[in-house]
Protein backbone atom coordinates (compact mmCIF):
# COMPACT_ATOMS: atom_id res chain seq x y z
CA MET A 1 -41.03 -11.40 6.74
CA ALA A 2 -44.02 -13.71 6.86
CA ARG A 3 -44.03 -16.71 4.56
CA ARG A 4 -46.60 -16.64 1.81
CA ARG A 5 -48.80 -19.67 1.71
CA ARG A 6 -48.84 -21.27 -1.71
CA VAL A 7 -52.36 -21.80 -3.01
CA PRO A 8 -52.62 -24.96 -5.10
CA LYS A 9 -54.32 -24.60 -8.46
CA ASP A 10 -56.66 -26.98 -10.23
CA GLY A 11 -55.01 -26.66 -13.65
CA THR A 12 -57.23 -23.83 -14.82
CA GLY A 13 -55.63 -21.18 -12.63
CA ARG A 14 -58.37 -21.24 -9.97
CA PRO A 15 -57.59 -22.10 -6.36
CA LEU A 16 -58.73 -25.50 -5.20
CA GLU A 17 -61.10 -23.80 -2.75
CA LEU A 18 -63.22 -22.65 -5.68
CA LEU A 19 -63.32 -26.22 -6.93
CA ARG A 20 -64.39 -27.41 -3.48
CA GLU A 21 -67.19 -24.84 -3.44
CA ARG A 22 -68.42 -26.09 -6.82
CA LEU A 23 -68.31 -29.67 -5.60
CA ALA A 24 -70.24 -28.71 -2.49
CA HIS A 25 -73.17 -27.71 -4.66
CA ALA A 26 -72.88 -30.52 -7.20
CA GLU A 27 -76.05 -32.57 -7.51
CA GLU A 28 -77.69 -30.36 -4.85
CA GLY A 29 -74.84 -31.13 -2.40
CA TRP A 30 -75.72 -34.82 -2.12
CA LEU A 31 -72.15 -35.95 -1.44
CA PHE A 32 -71.55 -33.63 1.49
CA ALA A 33 -75.06 -34.25 2.80
CA GLN A 34 -74.29 -37.98 2.83
CA ILE A 35 -71.01 -37.36 4.65
CA ALA A 36 -72.71 -35.12 7.20
CA GLU A 37 -75.42 -37.71 7.80
CA ALA A 38 -72.91 -40.55 8.16
CA VAL A 39 -70.79 -38.59 10.65
CA THR A 40 -73.85 -37.66 12.71
CA GLU A 41 -75.19 -41.22 12.74
CA ARG A 42 -71.83 -42.72 13.67
CA ARG A 43 -71.25 -40.11 16.39
CA HIS A 44 -74.64 -40.93 17.93
CA ALA A 45 -73.96 -44.68 17.67
CA ARG A 46 -70.70 -44.19 19.58
CA GLY A 47 -72.49 -42.07 22.20
CA LEU A 48 -70.30 -39.03 21.56
CA SER A 49 -71.26 -35.40 21.83
CA GLN A 50 -70.07 -32.95 19.20
CA ALA A 51 -67.59 -31.58 21.75
CA GLU A 52 -66.22 -35.07 22.50
CA LEU A 53 -65.82 -35.87 18.80
CA ALA A 54 -64.15 -32.51 18.24
CA LYS A 55 -61.63 -33.21 20.99
CA LEU A 56 -60.81 -36.62 19.46
CA CYS A 57 -60.29 -34.97 16.07
CA GLY A 58 -58.31 -31.97 17.29
CA THR A 59 -60.93 -29.47 16.19
CA THR A 60 -63.75 -27.46 17.74
CA GLN A 61 -67.36 -28.31 18.52
CA SER A 62 -68.48 -25.54 16.20
CA ALA A 63 -66.52 -27.12 13.33
CA ILE A 64 -68.27 -30.44 13.92
CA ALA A 65 -71.64 -28.65 14.05
CA ARG A 66 -70.90 -26.90 10.73
CA LEU A 67 -69.88 -30.18 9.13
CA GLU A 68 -72.95 -32.02 10.39
CA GLY A 69 -75.15 -29.16 9.26
CA GLY A 70 -73.67 -29.22 5.78
CA GLY A 71 -72.25 -25.74 6.22
CA ARG A 72 -68.89 -26.42 4.65
CA PRO A 73 -67.32 -29.29 2.71
CA PRO A 74 -64.75 -31.11 4.88
CA ARG A 75 -61.12 -31.40 3.81
CA ILE A 76 -59.71 -34.87 3.25
CA ASP A 77 -57.44 -34.61 6.31
CA THR A 78 -60.48 -33.73 8.42
CA LEU A 79 -62.35 -36.73 7.03
CA LEU A 80 -59.40 -38.97 7.89
CA ARG A 81 -59.35 -37.69 11.48
CA LEU A 82 -63.13 -38.11 11.75
CA ALA A 83 -62.97 -41.67 10.42
CA ASN A 84 -60.25 -42.52 12.93
CA ALA A 85 -62.15 -40.96 15.84
CA LEU A 86 -65.35 -42.74 14.81
CA ASP A 87 -63.53 -46.08 14.37
CA CYS A 88 -64.32 -46.20 10.65
CA ASP A 89 -62.48 -46.66 7.39
CA LEU A 90 -62.65 -43.76 4.96
CA VAL A 91 -63.41 -45.11 1.51
CA VAL A 92 -63.12 -43.01 -1.63
CA GLU A 93 -64.19 -44.64 -4.84
CA LEU A 94 -64.00 -43.52 -8.46
CA ARG A 95 -66.50 -45.31 -10.66
CA PRO A 96 -66.99 -44.72 -14.38
CA ARG A 97 -70.22 -42.97 -15.24
CA ASP A 98 -72.74 -44.95 -17.24
CA GLY A 99 -71.55 -45.29 -20.84
CA THR A 100 -68.14 -43.68 -20.29
CA GLU A 101 -65.94 -46.63 -19.44
CA GLY A 102 -62.86 -46.71 -21.67
CA GLU A 103 -63.53 -43.30 -23.25
CA ALA A 104 -60.70 -40.78 -23.43
CA ALA A 105 -61.30 -37.29 -22.09
């Protein structure tokens, strides 16, 4: 019998994939557009083709093309592999929104 893959939930009963989709379109997708642009710029600076970067990351050229084109939000493990292959640090920062510091949810 095949093992069922457990789908993590976000606390509201929806799979995390739905949350990722919502985030992909937040603020007109600015976050993922910035990531795509940074990956593309760094790849060019290192003189790598999409295929070469894909090989370094253990993925496919088409996956790199989709990421750079903003086709799909990258997973955190993918971002970590990309950062390593591009000789970068991956920085994630949570900053309070204006006027919300110290407020309880």
